[in-house]
Amino acid sequence: MTSRTSTPLADDLGAALQHDDPVALEALASRQPDGERDRYTTLLRIYDLHTAPLDRVGPAARWQHHPAVAALKQTCESAWLAELEKVELPADLAGADAVDAMRALAARDRLPIVYKWLARTATWDEVVHFLALEGGPDAGFDDLVATCQIGLSGSAKMELATNYWDEMGDGSPDDVHTTLHDRLAAAIEMPTVPLDEQPVSALARSAFGGLLATNRWLQPEMLGALGLIELQAGPRCRLVLQAFDRCGAPAAAYPFYEVHAEVDPRHGKDWLEKAIEPTVREQPGWGARIVRGALWRSVVNAEFLDDITETLIRQPEQEITAA
C-alpha cells in the first residue's frame, strides 16, 4: 500500500541531500513513492548520485551508498523490475537465438509515427519541443557504454571500446557526440523541460539507463538494451534530418543527427556480430537476458513515443475537430 505524505518522496529526498542531512535521510528509509511519477523522479535523483557530473551533484555525492538511499533505491527498483519482468517476448521470437531476436525486435516499429510526423508535418516549434523531450537518440550513451564494458573481454570489449571512441569523436574534442548535442541545443534554442512537466513515460525512459548502469547483475540486459538503441537510431535520425530540411533548421543543428544517421546502422550491425554473438557463444545463459533487456528498452521507449504521439499529434487534431 502506498503511503501518502504532504510532499513527494523525491522532493523530501532532494531536500535531505541538498541540506546534507543524514538524519532526514534516515527518516526516509521506509518511505514508499507516491505513485509512478514519484517513483521515477526519486530514482532519477538517486541515479544522479551514481552517474551525474560531480559539479552538478555537489557534496550530495557522498550519500550515494547511504543505507537509506540504498533502501529507497531497492524499494523503487523492485516494483519497477517486477513490472518489466511481466513483459512477454512475442510468441514468434520464442526459441530464436539472441542475434535473430534482436534483429526482429529492432525491425518492429523501427519508424514510429511520431518520427514520420516530424519529417512531414510538424511545425518548427513542435520539432524543437519533441527533441527537447527525446534528448537525442542515445542520451548519455557514452557513459552507458563505458559502464557496460566492465568485466567483458575479447571481441565484445573491443567492440564497446570502438563504439565509445566513436562517441568521443574519434579523438576530436569538437566531434564528441555530447558536444554536438550541446551545439544542437544552442542552435535551436532547445528548452529544458522540467521533470514535473514531462509525462511519466519520459521519466521512465530517462531512468532506464540508470536502472541498468547501477545494477551490476543487469549487465546482460544492458548489453541488449544498448544494442537495440544502436539498431533503431539511424533511420529515426534520418527522419529528424528531413524535418530540419523542411523547416529550415540552422546549420549547427545538423551534425549531431547526421553522425547518428550515418554511423549507427554500422554500430548496430557490429554490436550484434562483435559484441552479442561472441558473448552468447562464451556465456550461453546470457542470451535470453540480452534479448530481455532489448525487449524492456523497446517497451519503455514505445510507451514514451505513444504518449508523445498522443500529446503532439492526436490531441491537437481532436481539439481542431471539436472546435
Protein backbone atom coordinates (compact mmCIF):
# COMPACT_ATOMS: atom_id res chain seq x y z
CA MET A 1 0.00 0.00 0.00
CA THR A 2 1.40 3.41 -0.97
CA SER A 3 1.78 5.82 1.94
CA ARG A 4 0.86 9.43 1.28
CA THR A 5 2.62 12.39 2.83
CA SER A 6 2.42 16.12 2.33
CA THR A 7 5.27 16.15 -0.18
CA PRO A 8 6.50 13.61 -2.72
CA LEU A 9 9.30 11.28 -1.68
CA ALA A 10 11.53 12.65 -4.44
CA ASP A 11 11.19 16.19 -3.05
CA ASP A 12 11.96 15.10 0.50
CA LEU A 13 14.95 13.11 -0.72
CA GLY A 14 16.17 16.10 -2.72
CA ALA A 15 15.86 18.37 0.31
CA ALA A 16 17.74 15.93 2.56
CA LEU A 17 20.54 15.64 0.02
CA GLN A 18 20.70 19.38 -0.59
CA HIS A 19 20.94 20.15 3.12
CA ASP A 20 23.48 17.37 3.72
CA ASP A 21 21.18 15.99 6.42
CA PRO A 22 21.79 12.33 7.37
CA VAL A 23 19.03 12.40 9.98
CA ALA A 24 16.49 13.44 7.35
CA LEU A 25 17.84 10.73 5.04
CA GLU A 26 17.42 8.05 7.68
CA ALA A 27 13.82 9.13 8.23
CA LEU A 28 13.08 8.36 4.56
CA ALA A 29 14.40 4.79 4.58
CA SER A 30 11.00 3.11 4.91
CA ARG A 31 9.05 5.53 2.71
CA GLN A 32 7.18 4.39 -0.38
CA PRO A 33 6.88 6.57 -3.50
CA ASP A 34 3.53 8.19 -4.12
CA GLY A 35 2.81 6.57 -7.47
CA GLU A 36 4.82 6.05 -10.64
CA ARG A 37 5.83 9.68 -11.18
CA ASP A 38 7.28 9.89 -7.69
CA ARG A 39 8.99 6.52 -8.17
CA TYR A 40 10.85 7.57 -11.30
CA THR A 41 11.68 11.05 -10.02
CA THR A 42 13.08 9.51 -6.84
CA LEU A 43 15.18 7.09 -8.89
CA LEU A 44 16.46 9.89 -11.11
CA ARG A 45 17.70 11.73 -8.01
CA ILE A 46 19.39 8.56 -6.77
CA TYR A 47 20.93 7.76 -10.16
CA ASP A 48 22.39 11.27 -10.28
CA LEU A 49 24.43 10.36 -7.19
CA HIS A 50 25.93 7.46 -9.19
CA THR A 51 26.34 8.88 -12.67
CA ALA A 52 25.81 12.66 -12.95
CA PRO A 53 28.77 15.07 -13.20
CA LEU A 54 30.16 15.86 -9.75
CA ASP A 55 29.90 19.60 -10.32
CA ARG A 56 26.14 19.11 -10.69
CA VAL A 57 25.67 16.69 -7.82
CA GLY A 58 27.96 18.53 -5.43
CA PRO A 59 28.58 17.30 -1.88
CA ALA A 60 25.44 15.13 -2.03
CA ALA A 61 27.51 12.51 -3.90
CA ARG A 62 28.90 11.36 -0.55
CA TRP A 63 25.48 9.88 0.26
CA GLN A 64 25.49 7.61 -2.82
CA HIS A 65 25.61 4.44 -0.68
CA HIS A 66 23.91 5.68 2.46
CA PRO A 67 21.72 2.85 3.82
CA ALA A 68 18.57 4.94 3.46
CA VAL A 69 19.38 5.83 -0.15
CA ALA A 70 20.11 2.17 -0.88
CA ALA A 71 16.81 1.16 0.74
CA LEU A 72 14.83 3.65 -1.34
CA LYS A 73 16.63 2.52 -4.48
CA GLN A 74 15.76 -1.09 -3.77
CA THR A 75 12.13 -0.26 -2.99
CA CYS A 76 11.59 1.71 -6.19
CA GLU A 77 13.56 -0.63 -8.44
CA SER A 78 11.96 -3.81 -7.11
CA ALA A 79 8.50 -2.58 -8.04
CA TRP A 80 9.69 -1.43 -11.47
CA LEU A 81 11.55 -4.66 -12.22
CA ALA A 82 8.50 -6.70 -11.23
CA GLU A 83 6.53 -4.81 -13.89
CA LEU A 84 9.24 -5.19 -16.52
CA GLU A 85 9.57 -8.92 -15.87
CA LYS A 86 5.90 -9.36 -16.76
CA VAL A 87 6.58 -8.17 -20.32
CA GLU A 88 6.44 -11.21 -22.59
CA LEU A 89 8.57 -11.80 -25.65
CA PRO A 90 6.44 -12.01 -28.82
CA ALA A 91 5.49 -15.63 -29.43
CA ASP A 92 7.13 -15.74 -32.86
CA LEU A 93 10.51 -14.91 -31.29
CA ALA A 94 10.40 -17.67 -28.71
CA GLY A 95 13.30 -20.00 -29.36
CA ALA A 96 15.13 -17.59 -31.68
CA ASP A 97 18.80 -17.04 -30.95
CA ALA A 98 19.80 -13.73 -29.40
CA VAL A 99 21.04 -12.08 -32.60
CA ASP A 100 17.98 -13.04 -34.65
CA ALA A 101 15.64 -11.96 -31.85
CA MET A 102 17.42 -8.62 -31.56
CA ARG A 103 17.15 -8.00 -35.28
CA ALA A 104 13.45 -8.84 -35.22
CA LEU A 105 12.77 -6.59 -32.23
CA ALA A 106 14.64 -3.72 -33.87
CA ALA A 107 12.66 -4.09 -37.09
CA ARG A 108 9.32 -3.79 -35.29
CA ASP A 109 8.23 -0.19 -35.10
CA ARG A 110 11.61 0.94 -36.42
CA LEU A 111 9.96 4.13 -37.73
CA PRO A 112 7.26 5.19 -35.23
CA ILE A 113 4.53 7.52 -36.43
CA VAL A 114 5.85 10.48 -34.45
CA TYR A 115 9.12 10.49 -36.45
CA LYS A 116 7.20 10.35 -39.73
CA TRP A 117 5.09 13.27 -38.47
CA LEU A 118 8.27 15.20 -37.67
CA ALA A 119 9.61 14.62 -41.17
CA ARG A 120 6.39 15.52 -43.00
CA THR A 121 4.10 17.73 -40.95
CA ALA A 122 5.34 19.13 -37.63
CA THR A 123 5.91 22.85 -37.23
CA TRP A 124 9.34 24.06 -36.19
CA ASP A 125 8.14 24.72 -32.62
CA GLU A 126 6.78 21.17 -32.46
CA VAL A 127 10.06 19.75 -33.74
CA VAL A 128 12.00 21.64 -31.05
CA HIS A 129 9.58 20.55 -28.32
CA PHE A 130 9.85 16.91 -29.35
CA LEU A 131 13.65 16.98 -29.46
CA ALA A 132 13.71 18.57 -26.00
CA LEU A 133 11.78 15.58 -24.67
CA GLU A 134 13.62 12.98 -26.76
CA GLY A 135 17.05 14.15 -25.64
CA GLY A 136 18.75 12.69 -28.69
CA PRO A 137 18.67 9.06 -29.81
CA ASP A 138 21.23 7.99 -27.20
CA ALA A 139 21.33 10.49 -24.36
CA GLY A 140 24.22 9.59 -22.05
CA PHE A 141 25.18 6.70 -24.31
CA ASP A 142 28.91 7.25 -23.87
CA ASP A 143 28.79 6.71 -20.11
CA LEU A 144 26.42 3.76 -20.51
CA VAL A 145 28.79 2.05 -22.95
CA ALA A 146 31.70 2.70 -20.60
CA THR A 147 29.78 1.07 -17.76
CA CYS A 148 28.58 -1.85 -19.87
CA GLN A 149 32.09 -2.91 -20.90
CA ILE A 150 33.21 -3.57 -17.31
CA GLY A 151 34.25 -7.20 -16.99
CA LEU A 152 33.81 -8.05 -20.67
CA SER A 153 36.70 -9.40 -22.70
CA GLY A 154 37.81 -10.20 -26.22
CA SER A 155 35.68 -9.14 -29.17
CA ALA A 156 32.84 -7.74 -27.03
CA LYS A 157 35.19 -5.48 -25.06
CA MET A 158 36.86 -4.27 -28.24
CA GLU A 159 33.54 -3.51 -29.93
CA LEU A 160 32.28 -1.46 -26.98
CA ALA A 161 35.63 0.35 -26.91
CA THR A 162 35.29 1.13 -30.62
CA ASN A 163 31.75 2.37 -30.04
CA TYR A 164 32.86 4.52 -27.11
CA TRP A 165 35.70 6.03 -29.13
CA ASP A 166 33.20 7.00 -31.80
CA GLU A 167 31.10 8.68 -29.10
CA MET A 168 34.30 10.57 -28.23
CA GLY A 169 34.52 11.89 -31.79
CA ASP A 170 37.37 9.51 -32.66
CA GLY A 171 39.63 11.65 -30.51
CA SER A 172 38.49 15.04 -31.80
CA PRO A 173 37.03 17.17 -28.96
CA ASP A 174 34.93 19.14 -31.45
CA ASP A 175 33.27 15.95 -32.66
CA VAL A 176 32.37 14.40 -29.30
CA HIS A 177 28.69 13.50 -29.52
CA THR A 178 27.78 15.33 -26.32
CA THR A 179 29.46 18.44 -27.68
CA LEU A 180 27.50 18.11 -30.93
CA HIS A 181 24.29 17.82 -28.91
CA ASP A 182 25.19 20.93 -26.88
CA ARG A 183 25.63 22.84 -30.15
CA LEU A 184 22.33 21.49 -31.44
CA ALA A 185 20.56 22.61 -28.27
CA ALA A 186 22.06 26.09 -28.51
CA ALA A 187 21.35 26.42 -32.24
CA ILE A 188 17.64 25.61 -31.94
CA GLU A 189 17.23 27.22 -28.50
CA MET A 190 16.09 23.92 -27.09
CA PRO A 191 14.27 24.41 -23.80
CA THR A 192 14.84 22.30 -20.71
CA VAL A 193 11.55 20.64 -19.84
CA PRO A 194 11.11 20.43 -16.03
CA LEU A 195 10.52 16.94 -14.68
CA ASP A 196 7.07 17.84 -13.40
CA GLU A 197 6.05 18.84 -16.94
CA GLN A 198 7.24 15.60 -18.55
CA PRO A 199 4.95 12.60 -18.99
CA VAL A 200 5.61 9.69 -16.65
CA SER A 201 6.80 7.63 -19.61
CA ALA A 202 9.52 10.21 -20.32
CA LEU A 203 10.74 9.92 -16.73
CA ALA A 204 10.82 6.13 -17.01
CA ARG A 205 12.77 6.37 -20.27
CA SER A 206 15.28 8.73 -18.66
CA ALA A 207 15.64 6.50 -15.61
CA PHE A 208 16.01 3.25 -17.56
CA GLY A 209 19.71 3.74 -18.26
CA GLY A 210 20.33 4.35 -14.57
CA LEU A 211 18.48 1.17 -13.66
CA LEU A 212 20.84 -0.85 -15.84
CA ALA A 213 24.03 1.09 -15.13
CA THR A 214 23.78 0.98 -11.34
CA ASN A 215 22.89 -2.71 -11.02
CA ARG A 216 25.88 -4.90 -11.83
CA TRP A 217 23.72 -8.00 -12.15
CA LEU A 218 21.80 -6.44 -15.06
CA GLN A 219 24.82 -6.28 -17.39
CA PRO A 220 23.34 -8.81 -19.88
CA GLU A 221 20.12 -6.78 -20.08
CA MET A 222 22.17 -3.62 -20.54
CA LEU A 223 24.10 -5.16 -23.43
CA GLY A 224 20.80 -5.93 -25.16
CA ALA A 225 19.18 -2.56 -24.44
CA LEU A 226 22.12 -0.55 -25.77
CA GLY A 227 22.30 -2.75 -28.83
CA LEU A 228 18.65 -2.07 -29.62
CA ILE A 229 19.26 1.68 -29.40
CA GLU A 230 22.03 1.39 -31.97
CA LEU A 231 19.89 -0.73 -34.26
CA GLN A 232 16.98 1.72 -34.30
CA ALA A 233 18.61 5.14 -34.08
CA GLY A 234 19.84 5.56 -37.67
CA PRO A 235 16.52 5.53 -39.56
CA ARG A 236 14.89 7.74 -36.94
CA CYS A 237 17.69 10.27 -37.16
CA ARG A 238 17.24 10.45 -40.92
CA LEU A 239 13.63 11.49 -40.40
CA VAL A 240 14.72 14.21 -37.97
CA LEU A 241 17.08 15.48 -40.66
CA GLN A 242 14.17 15.58 -43.11
CA ALA A 243 12.30 17.74 -40.59
CA PHE A 244 15.33 20.03 -40.38
CA ASP A 245 15.42 20.37 -44.17
CA ARG A 246 11.69 21.08 -44.39
CA CYS A 247 11.69 23.63 -41.58
CA GLY A 248 14.95 25.36 -42.46
CA ALA A 249 16.91 24.43 -39.34
CA PRO A 250 20.18 26.28 -38.61
CA ALA A 251 23.34 24.60 -39.87
CA ALA A 252 24.64 23.90 -36.34
CA ALA A 253 21.61 21.70 -35.68
CA TYR A 254 22.59 19.12 -38.27
CA PRO A 255 25.88 17.44 -37.22
CA PHE A 256 24.50 15.62 -34.17
CA TYR A 257 21.77 13.85 -36.14
CA GLU A 258 23.90 13.49 -39.27
CA VAL A 259 26.56 11.50 -37.48
CA HIS A 260 23.99 9.19 -35.90
CA ALA A 261 22.16 8.69 -39.18
CA GLU A 262 25.44 7.70 -40.80
CA VAL A 263 27.23 5.55 -38.20
CA ASP A 264 24.51 3.99 -36.03
CA PRO A 265 23.41 1.41 -38.63
CA ARG A 266 27.02 0.19 -38.76
CA HIS A 267 27.29 0.27 -34.97
CA GLY A 268 24.10 -1.76 -34.65
CA LYS A 269 25.40 -4.44 -37.02
CA ASP A 270 28.78 -4.56 -35.28
CA TRP A 271 27.15 -4.66 -31.84
CA LEU A 272 25.27 -7.80 -32.85
CA GLU A 273 28.13 -9.55 -34.62
CA LYS A 274 31.10 -8.48 -32.50
CA ALA A 275 29.62 -7.99 -29.03
CA ILE A 276 26.45 -10.03 -28.58
CA GLU A 277 27.23 -13.07 -30.73
CA PRO A 278 30.64 -13.85 -29.17
CA THR A 279 29.35 -13.11 -25.67
CA VAL A 280 26.47 -15.56 -26.04
CA ARG A 281 28.82 -18.12 -27.53
CA GLU A 282 31.02 -17.87 -24.43
CA GLN A 283 28.14 -17.47 -21.96
CA PRO A 284 25.00 -19.14 -23.36
CA GLY A 285 22.99 -18.24 -20.27
CA TRP A 286 23.23 -14.57 -21.21
CA GLY A 287 21.31 -14.96 -24.48
CA ALA A 288 17.77 -14.79 -23.13
CA ARG A 289 18.71 -11.99 -20.76
CA ILE A 290 20.27 -9.90 -23.52
CA VAL A 291 17.05 -10.23 -25.51
CA ARG A 292 15.06 -9.40 -22.38
CA GLY A 293 17.00 -6.15 -21.97
CA ALA A 294 16.27 -5.22 -25.57
CA LEU A 295 12.60 -6.02 -25.02
CA TRP A 296 12.49 -3.85 -21.90
CA ARG A 297 14.08 -0.94 -23.75
CA SER A 298 11.61 -1.42 -26.61
CA VAL A 299 8.63 -1.29 -24.26
CA VAL A 300 9.88 1.69 -22.23
CA ASN A 301 10.67 3.67 -25.36
CA ALA A 302 7.38 2.72 -27.09
CA GLU A 303 5.37 3.96 -24.11
CA PHE A 304 7.19 7.29 -24.29
CA LEU A 305 6.66 7.62 -28.03
CA ASP A 306 2.98 6.67 -27.70
CA ASP A 307 2.48 9.42 -25.11
CA ILE A 308 4.28 11.98 -27.25
CA THR A 309 2.23 10.93 -30.28
CA GLU A 310 -0.97 11.40 -28.29
CA THR A 311 0.13 14.81 -26.98
CA LEU A 312 1.71 16.34 -30.07
CA ILE A 313 -0.37 14.83 -32.85
CA ARG A 314 -3.70 13.37 -31.82
CA GLN A 315 -4.82 15.81 -29.14
CA PRO A 316 -4.38 18.91 -31.35
CA GLU A 317 -6.28 17.12 -34.12
CA GLN A 318 -9.09 16.30 -31.68
CA GLU A 319 -9.18 19.90 -30.46
CA ILE A 320 -9.45 21.19 -34.03
CA THR A 321 -12.25 18.70 -34.75
CA ALA A 322 -14.10 19.67 -31.57
CA ALA A 323 -13.83 23.36 -32.40
